[in-house]
Amino acid sequence: MPILTLENAGKLTKEQKDQLIEEMTDIVAKLTGKPKNYVYVMIKEIDRENFGIGGKALK
C-alpha cells in the first residue's frame, strides 16, 4: 500500500489539507493501479521557526 508523507513549513487550513489528501490519493491510485482505500496520506506541519533555509529560520 502506498504511504505518502507531506511535510509543510507552516499551517494549512482544513480545506487545503482535504484537497491535498484527495488529489494526492487520486494521483497515486491512478499511477499505481491501487484502490484509493489502499493509499495513506499523512500531513506533518512544521512550525516555521523550526524550519530553516540558507542558515536562517523561517518567520
C-alpha atoms as a PDB file:
ATOM      1  CA  MET A   1       0.000   0.000   0.000  1.00  0.00           C
ATOM      2  CA  PRO A   2       1.338   3.451  -0.867  1.00  0.00           C
ATOM      3  CA  ILE A   3       2.038   5.699   2.124  1.00  0.00           C
ATOM      4  CA  LEU A   4       2.606   9.383   1.348  1.00  0.00           C
ATOM      5  CA  THR A   5       4.032  11.925   3.776  1.00  0.00           C
ATOM      6  CA  LEU A   6       3.814  15.642   3.062  1.00  0.00           C
ATOM      7  CA  GLU A   7       5.854  17.918   5.325  1.00  0.00           C
ATOM      8  CA  ASN A   8       4.870  21.579   5.238  1.00  0.00           C
ATOM      9  CA  ALA A   9       6.532  24.571   6.897  1.00  0.00           C
ATOM     10  CA  GLY A  10       3.603  26.391   8.452  1.00  0.00           C
ATOM     11  CA  LYS A  11      -0.071  25.697   8.941  1.00  0.00           C
ATOM     12  CA  LEU A  12      -2.565  24.614   6.311  1.00  0.00           C
ATOM     13  CA  THR A  13      -6.304  25.121   6.508  1.00  0.00           C
ATOM     14  CA  LYS A  14      -8.609  22.130   6.823  1.00  0.00           C
ATOM     15  CA  GLU A  15      -9.780  22.816   3.270  1.00  0.00           C
ATOM     16  CA  GLN A  16      -6.196  22.771   1.967  1.00  0.00           C
ATOM     17  CA  LYS A  17      -5.491  19.503   3.793  1.00  0.00           C
ATOM     18  CA  ASP A  18      -8.682  17.933   2.462  1.00  0.00           C
ATOM     19  CA  GLN A  19      -7.803  18.951  -1.100  1.00  0.00           C
ATOM     20  CA  LEU A  20      -4.196  17.736  -0.794  1.00  0.00           C
ATOM     21  CA  ILE A  21      -5.311  14.372   0.581  1.00  0.00           C
ATOM     22  CA  GLU A  22      -7.933  13.939  -2.135  1.00  0.00           C
ATOM     23  CA  GLU A  23      -5.695  14.950  -5.040  1.00  0.00           C
ATOM     24  CA  MET A  24      -2.596  13.084  -3.833  1.00  0.00           C
ATOM     25  CA  THR A  25      -4.717   9.964  -3.352  1.00  0.00           C
ATOM     26  CA  ASP A  26      -6.218  10.285  -6.842  1.00  0.00           C
ATOM     27  CA  ILE A  27      -2.794  10.661  -8.491  1.00  0.00           C
ATOM     28  CA  VAL A  28      -1.163   7.758  -6.648  1.00  0.00           C
ATOM     29  CA  ALA A  29      -4.144   5.458  -7.177  1.00  0.00           C
ATOM     30  CA  LYS A  30      -4.132   6.260 -10.901  1.00  0.00           C
ATOM     31  CA  LEU A  31      -0.372   5.773 -11.317  1.00  0.00           C
ATOM     32  CA  THR A  32      -0.070   2.601  -9.212  1.00  0.00           C
ATOM     33  CA  GLY A  33      -3.381   0.984 -10.091  1.00  0.00           C
ATOM     34  CA  LYS A  34      -4.114   0.562  -6.373  1.00  0.00           C
ATOM     35  CA  PRO A  35      -7.601   1.229  -4.999  1.00  0.00           C
ATOM     36  CA  LYS A  36      -7.952   4.621  -3.315  1.00  0.00           C
ATOM     37  CA  ASN A  37      -8.660   2.971   0.033  1.00  0.00           C
ATOM     38  CA  TYR A  38      -5.128   1.482  -0.095  1.00  0.00           C
ATOM     39  CA  VAL A  39      -3.485   4.924  -0.305  1.00  0.00           C
ATOM     40  CA  TYR A  40      -2.482   6.524   3.008  1.00  0.00           C
ATOM     41  CA  VAL A  41      -1.637  10.233   3.268  1.00  0.00           C
ATOM     42  CA  MET A  42      -0.047  11.876   6.303  1.00  0.00           C
ATOM     43  CA  ILE A  43       0.474  15.632   6.581  1.00  0.00           C
ATOM     44  CA  LYS A  44       3.090  16.931   9.019  1.00  0.00           C
ATOM     45  CA  GLU A  45       3.002  20.623   9.827  1.00  0.00           C
ATOM     46  CA  ILE A  46       6.308  22.075  10.991  1.00  0.00           C
ATOM     47  CA  ASP A  47       6.303  25.365  12.866  1.00  0.00           C
ATOM     48  CA  ARG A  48       8.066  27.888  10.667  1.00  0.00           C
ATOM     49  CA  GLU A  49      10.503  28.807  13.453  1.00  0.00           C
ATOM     50  CA  ASN A  50      11.591  25.143  13.463  1.00  0.00           C
ATOM     51  CA  PHE A  51      12.464  25.214   9.764  1.00  0.00           C
ATOM     52  CA  GLY A  52      15.423  26.945   8.201  1.00  0.00           C
ATOM     53  CA  ILE A  53      16.713  27.708   4.726  1.00  0.00           C
ATOM     54  CA  GLY A  54      20.163  29.072   3.971  1.00  0.00           C
ATOM     55  CA  GLY A  55      21.127  29.191   7.644  1.00  0.00           C
ATOM     56  CA  LYS A  56      18.115  31.272   8.667  1.00  0.00           C
ATOM     57  CA  ALA A  57      14.882  30.249  10.392  1.00  0.00           C
ATOM     58  CA  LEU A  58      11.666  30.988   8.532  1.00  0.00           C
ATOM     59  CA  LYS A  59       9.419  33.563  10.147  1.00  0.00           C
END
